[in-house]
Protein backbone atom coordinates (compact mmCIF):
# COMPACT_ATOMS: atom_id res chain seq x y z
CA MET A 1 11.49 37.15 -247.00
CA PRO A 2 10.75 33.42 -247.39
CA SER A 3 12.91 30.96 -245.53
CA GLU A 4 13.77 27.50 -246.76
CA PRO A 5 10.87 25.16 -247.56
CA SER A 6 9.87 22.42 -245.18
CA SER A 7 10.67 18.99 -246.57
CA ALA A 8 9.92 16.37 -243.90
CA THR A 9 8.73 16.12 -240.34
CA ASN A 10 11.45 13.92 -238.88
CA THR A 11 14.68 15.44 -237.60
CA SER A 12 17.83 14.06 -239.18
CA PRO A 13 21.16 15.74 -238.38
CA GLY A 14 23.60 15.33 -241.25
CA LEU A 15 26.19 13.72 -239.00
CA ILE A 16 23.71 10.96 -238.08
CA HIS A 17 22.52 10.45 -241.67
CA PRO A 18 25.59 10.71 -243.93
CA TRP A 19 23.50 9.57 -246.90
CA LEU A 20 21.85 13.00 -246.99
CA GLU A 21 25.22 14.71 -247.33
CA TRP A 22 26.35 12.21 -249.97
CA ILE A 23 23.21 12.84 -252.03
CA LYS A 24 23.79 16.61 -251.89
CA GLN A 25 27.39 16.10 -253.03
CA VAL A 26 26.31 13.88 -255.93
CA HIS A 27 23.80 16.55 -256.98
CA ALA A 28 26.47 19.26 -256.80
CA ILE A 29 28.94 17.19 -258.84
CA ALA A 30 26.28 16.63 -261.51
CA ARG A 31 25.57 20.36 -261.72
CA TRP A 32 29.28 21.21 -261.87
CA GLY A 33 29.75 18.67 -264.68
CA LEU A 34 26.83 20.01 -266.69
CA THR A 35 28.27 23.51 -266.33
CA TYR A 36 31.88 22.83 -267.31
CA ALA A 37 31.99 19.59 -269.32
CA LYS A 38 32.30 19.87 -273.12
CA ASP A 39 32.24 16.26 -274.28
CA PRO A 40 28.67 15.24 -275.25
CA PHE A 41 29.12 11.79 -273.69
CA ASP A 42 30.25 13.36 -270.40
CA LEU A 43 27.27 15.72 -270.48
CA GLU A 44 24.95 12.75 -270.96
CA ARG A 45 26.51 10.96 -267.97
CA TYR A 46 26.18 14.06 -265.77
CA GLU A 47 22.53 14.39 -266.78
CA VAL A 48 21.94 10.79 -265.66
CA LEU A 49 23.77 11.52 -262.40
CA LEU A 50 21.56 14.58 -261.85
CA LYS A 51 18.39 12.52 -262.29
CA LEU A 52 19.75 9.89 -259.90
CA SER A 53 20.47 12.53 -257.25
CA VAL A 54 16.90 13.85 -257.52
CA ALA A 55 15.46 10.33 -257.23
CA MET A 56 17.66 9.53 -254.21
CA MET A 57 16.72 12.79 -252.47
CA ALA A 58 13.01 12.16 -253.09
CA ASP A 59 13.29 8.65 -251.65
CA PHE A 60 15.39 9.70 -248.65
CA ALA A 61 13.24 12.71 -247.74
CA GLN A 62 9.95 10.95 -248.59
CA MET A 63 9.04 13.71 -251.05
CA ASP A 64 7.48 13.61 -254.51
CA THR A 65 10.10 13.62 -257.25
CA SER A 66 8.38 16.62 -258.86
CA ARG A 67 8.71 18.55 -255.58
CA VAL A 68 12.46 17.88 -255.45
CA GLU A 69 12.81 18.88 -259.10
CA ASP A 70 11.02 22.17 -258.33
CA LEU A 71 13.38 22.86 -255.42
CA PHE A 72 16.42 22.32 -257.65
CA ALA A 73 14.97 23.89 -260.82
CA ASN A 74 16.82 27.22 -260.54
CA GLU A 75 20.15 25.77 -259.42
CA GLU A 76 22.74 26.16 -262.16
CA GLY A 77 26.46 26.60 -262.48
CA TYR A 78 28.89 25.89 -259.66
CA LEU A 79 26.66 25.15 -256.68
CA THR A 80 27.52 26.74 -253.35
CA PRO A 81 25.81 26.61 -249.92
CA LYS A 82 22.75 28.77 -249.38
CA VAL A 83 23.01 31.42 -246.66
CA ASP A 84 20.32 31.97 -244.03
CA VAL A 85 20.73 35.24 -242.06
CA ARG A 86 19.10 35.80 -238.65
CA GLY A 87 18.85 39.02 -236.61
CA VAL A 88 19.48 38.46 -232.88
CA VAL A 89 17.84 41.08 -230.64
CA PHE A 90 17.83 41.04 -226.83
CA GLN A 91 15.91 43.28 -224.49
CA ALA A 92 16.04 42.99 -220.69
CA GLY A 93 17.70 39.59 -221.01
CA LYS A 94 15.05 38.19 -223.33
CA LEU A 95 15.35 37.16 -226.98
CA LEU A 96 13.16 38.56 -229.78
CA MET A 97 11.21 35.84 -231.56
CA VAL A 98 8.55 35.76 -234.25
CA GLN A 99 5.79 33.24 -234.87
CA GLU A 100 5.77 31.96 -238.44
CA LYS A 101 2.45 31.89 -240.29
CA TRP A 102 3.22 28.71 -242.21
CA ASP A 103 3.64 26.44 -239.16
CA SER A 104 2.57 28.65 -236.19
CA ARG A 105 5.94 27.97 -234.54
CA TRP A 106 8.61 30.39 -233.39
CA THR A 107 12.05 31.44 -234.54
CA ILE A 108 14.21 34.57 -234.61
CA PRO A 109 13.68 36.96 -237.54
CA GLY A 110 15.54 36.08 -240.70
CA GLY A 111 15.59 34.37 -244.08
CA TRP A 112 17.66 33.79 -247.20
CA ALA A 113 20.44 36.28 -247.94
CA ASP A 114 19.46 38.71 -250.71
CA ILE A 115 21.64 39.40 -253.73
CA GLY A 116 23.04 42.92 -253.39
CA LEU A 117 22.72 43.13 -249.60
CA SER A 118 25.35 42.44 -246.98
CA PRO A 119 24.58 40.02 -244.10
CA ALA A 120 24.14 43.03 -241.78
CA GLU A 121 21.69 44.67 -244.19
CA VAL A 122 19.72 41.44 -244.53
CA ALA A 123 19.50 41.03 -240.74
CA ALA A 124 18.22 44.58 -240.25
CA LYS A 125 15.70 44.22 -243.08
CA GLU A 126 14.34 40.92 -241.77
CA VAL A 127 13.89 42.20 -238.21
CA GLN A 128 12.01 45.25 -239.47
CA GLU A 129 9.80 43.23 -241.85
CA GLU A 130 8.97 40.43 -239.42
CA ALA A 131 8.96 42.21 -236.04
CA GLY A 132 8.52 45.94 -236.80
CA LEU A 133 11.74 47.04 -235.08
CA GLU A 134 14.49 49.16 -236.57
CA VAL A 135 17.89 47.76 -235.58
CA ARG A 136 21.60 48.28 -236.07
CA PRO A 137 23.69 45.10 -236.51
CA VAL A 138 26.79 45.23 -234.30
CA LYS A 139 28.44 41.81 -234.36
CA MET A 140 28.33 38.45 -236.13
CA LEU A 141 27.75 36.00 -233.28
CA ALA A 142 27.98 32.77 -235.23
CA MET A 143 28.27 31.23 -238.68
CA LEU A 144 27.06 27.64 -238.42
CA ASP A 145 26.74 24.76 -240.87
CA LYS A 146 23.20 23.46 -240.58
CA LYS A 147 24.27 19.84 -241.00
CA PHE A 148 25.74 19.79 -237.47
CA TYR A 149 22.40 20.56 -235.80
CA SER A 150 19.08 18.78 -235.24
CA HIS A 151 17.11 20.47 -238.01
CA PRO A 152 14.65 18.51 -240.16
CA ILE A 153 16.28 17.16 -243.30
CA SER A 154 16.73 19.65 -246.13
CA PRO A 155 17.70 19.30 -249.81
CA TYR A 156 20.11 22.22 -249.48
CA HIS A 157 23.49 22.69 -247.84
CA ILE A 158 23.00 25.76 -245.67
CA TYR A 159 25.16 28.15 -243.66
CA LYS A 160 23.32 30.02 -240.89
CA VAL A 161 24.57 33.51 -239.96
CA PHE A 162 23.47 35.07 -236.66
CA MET A 163 23.91 38.85 -236.35
CA ALA A 164 23.59 40.65 -232.99
CA CYS A 165 21.46 43.77 -233.41
CA GLU A 166 20.65 46.80 -231.24
CA ILE A 167 17.20 48.41 -231.33
CA THR A 168 17.24 51.95 -232.74
CA GLY A 169 13.53 52.58 -233.35
CA GLY A 170 10.22 51.20 -234.55
CA SER A 171 7.68 49.27 -232.51
CA ILE A 172 6.66 45.65 -232.16
CA SER A 173 4.36 44.52 -234.98
CA THR A 174 3.80 41.47 -237.16
CA GLY A 175 4.60 41.29 -240.86
CA LEU A 176 3.54 39.40 -243.97
CA GLU A 177 5.13 36.16 -242.75
CA SER A 178 4.72 36.52 -238.99
CA GLN A 179 1.61 36.24 -236.83
CA GLY A 180 3.19 36.85 -233.43
CA VAL A 181 6.14 38.74 -231.96
CA GLY A 182 7.56 38.66 -228.45
CA PHE A 183 10.60 38.53 -226.18
CA PHE A 184 11.34 35.27 -224.37
CA GLY A 185 13.73 34.20 -221.63
CA PRO A 186 15.70 30.92 -221.80
CA ASP A 187 13.20 29.13 -219.55
CA GLU A 188 10.05 30.31 -221.33
CA LEU A 189 10.70 29.51 -224.97
CA PRO A 190 7.68 28.81 -227.20
CA GLU A 191 7.50 25.85 -229.60
CA LEU A 192 10.36 26.30 -232.05
CA SER A 193 10.24 26.16 -235.84
CA THR A 194 13.16 23.71 -235.99
CA GLN A 195 13.56 24.09 -239.75
CA ARG A 196 14.89 27.55 -238.85
CA ILE A 197 16.27 27.39 -235.29
CA THR A 198 17.17 24.67 -232.78
CA PRO A 199 17.35 24.64 -228.97
CA GLU A 200 21.15 24.35 -229.02
CA GLN A 201 21.42 27.40 -231.28
CA ILE A 202 19.10 29.37 -228.98
CA ALA A 203 21.29 28.35 -226.02
CA LEU A 204 24.37 29.58 -227.89
CA LEU A 205 22.74 32.97 -228.52
CA PHE A 206 21.93 33.37 -224.82
CA GLU A 207 25.52 32.46 -224.00
CA HIS A 208 26.71 35.25 -226.28
CA HIS A 209 24.33 37.65 -224.56
CA ARG A 210 25.67 36.69 -221.13
CA ASN A 211 29.26 36.94 -222.36
CA PRO A 212 29.55 39.85 -224.86
CA ASP A 213 33.30 39.21 -225.26
CA ARG A 214 32.75 35.66 -226.52
CA PRO A 215 34.34 35.34 -229.98
CA THR A 216 32.29 34.47 -233.04
CA ASP A 217 31.36 30.78 -233.18
CA PHE A 218 31.80 28.83 -236.38
CA ASN A 219 32.00 25.24 -237.61
């Protein structure tokens, strides 16, 4: 399934650029107000605040205002973080990775969580669709807030869930969104799609593989 859209080429961790987090919070407050406020004057003020948040995000991320509006078009009600689920598969000490068609860079299989599916079900589905392998999720390795890592800037607040999976069947093959599949050791990693995965997250996954008793990591 599709992952989050690319928004800019420069990397900007949220902790280094607090303005990005402030803009997201302003946008969320505007949406919350438009959902729950009853007074027409309050609704008008929240609508102005919403437009300001879109303009600020467009300026900060160097995106067209219309593009930002499209990204936020379906967001209604009480806004919550989006959830990105990744299936983590090791074989002979190497990590399963897929090459994305949209940028020809590599990540581990995954994408947005689907309504009606558990994180484990999403992880298994994504691995099968993107890499051709049937897997059984066995442990949640980490639940990480994207803002703490060196991803490119994003208009969304995102939690990233990493599920350890065991191979049960299938065979290596590409899917609709992948153009390459392979297993890689820690010293032979291909160019990463940093919108989806970062070197420090990859290192954490290898640490979990070396130490199966390591507890789940979270922010």
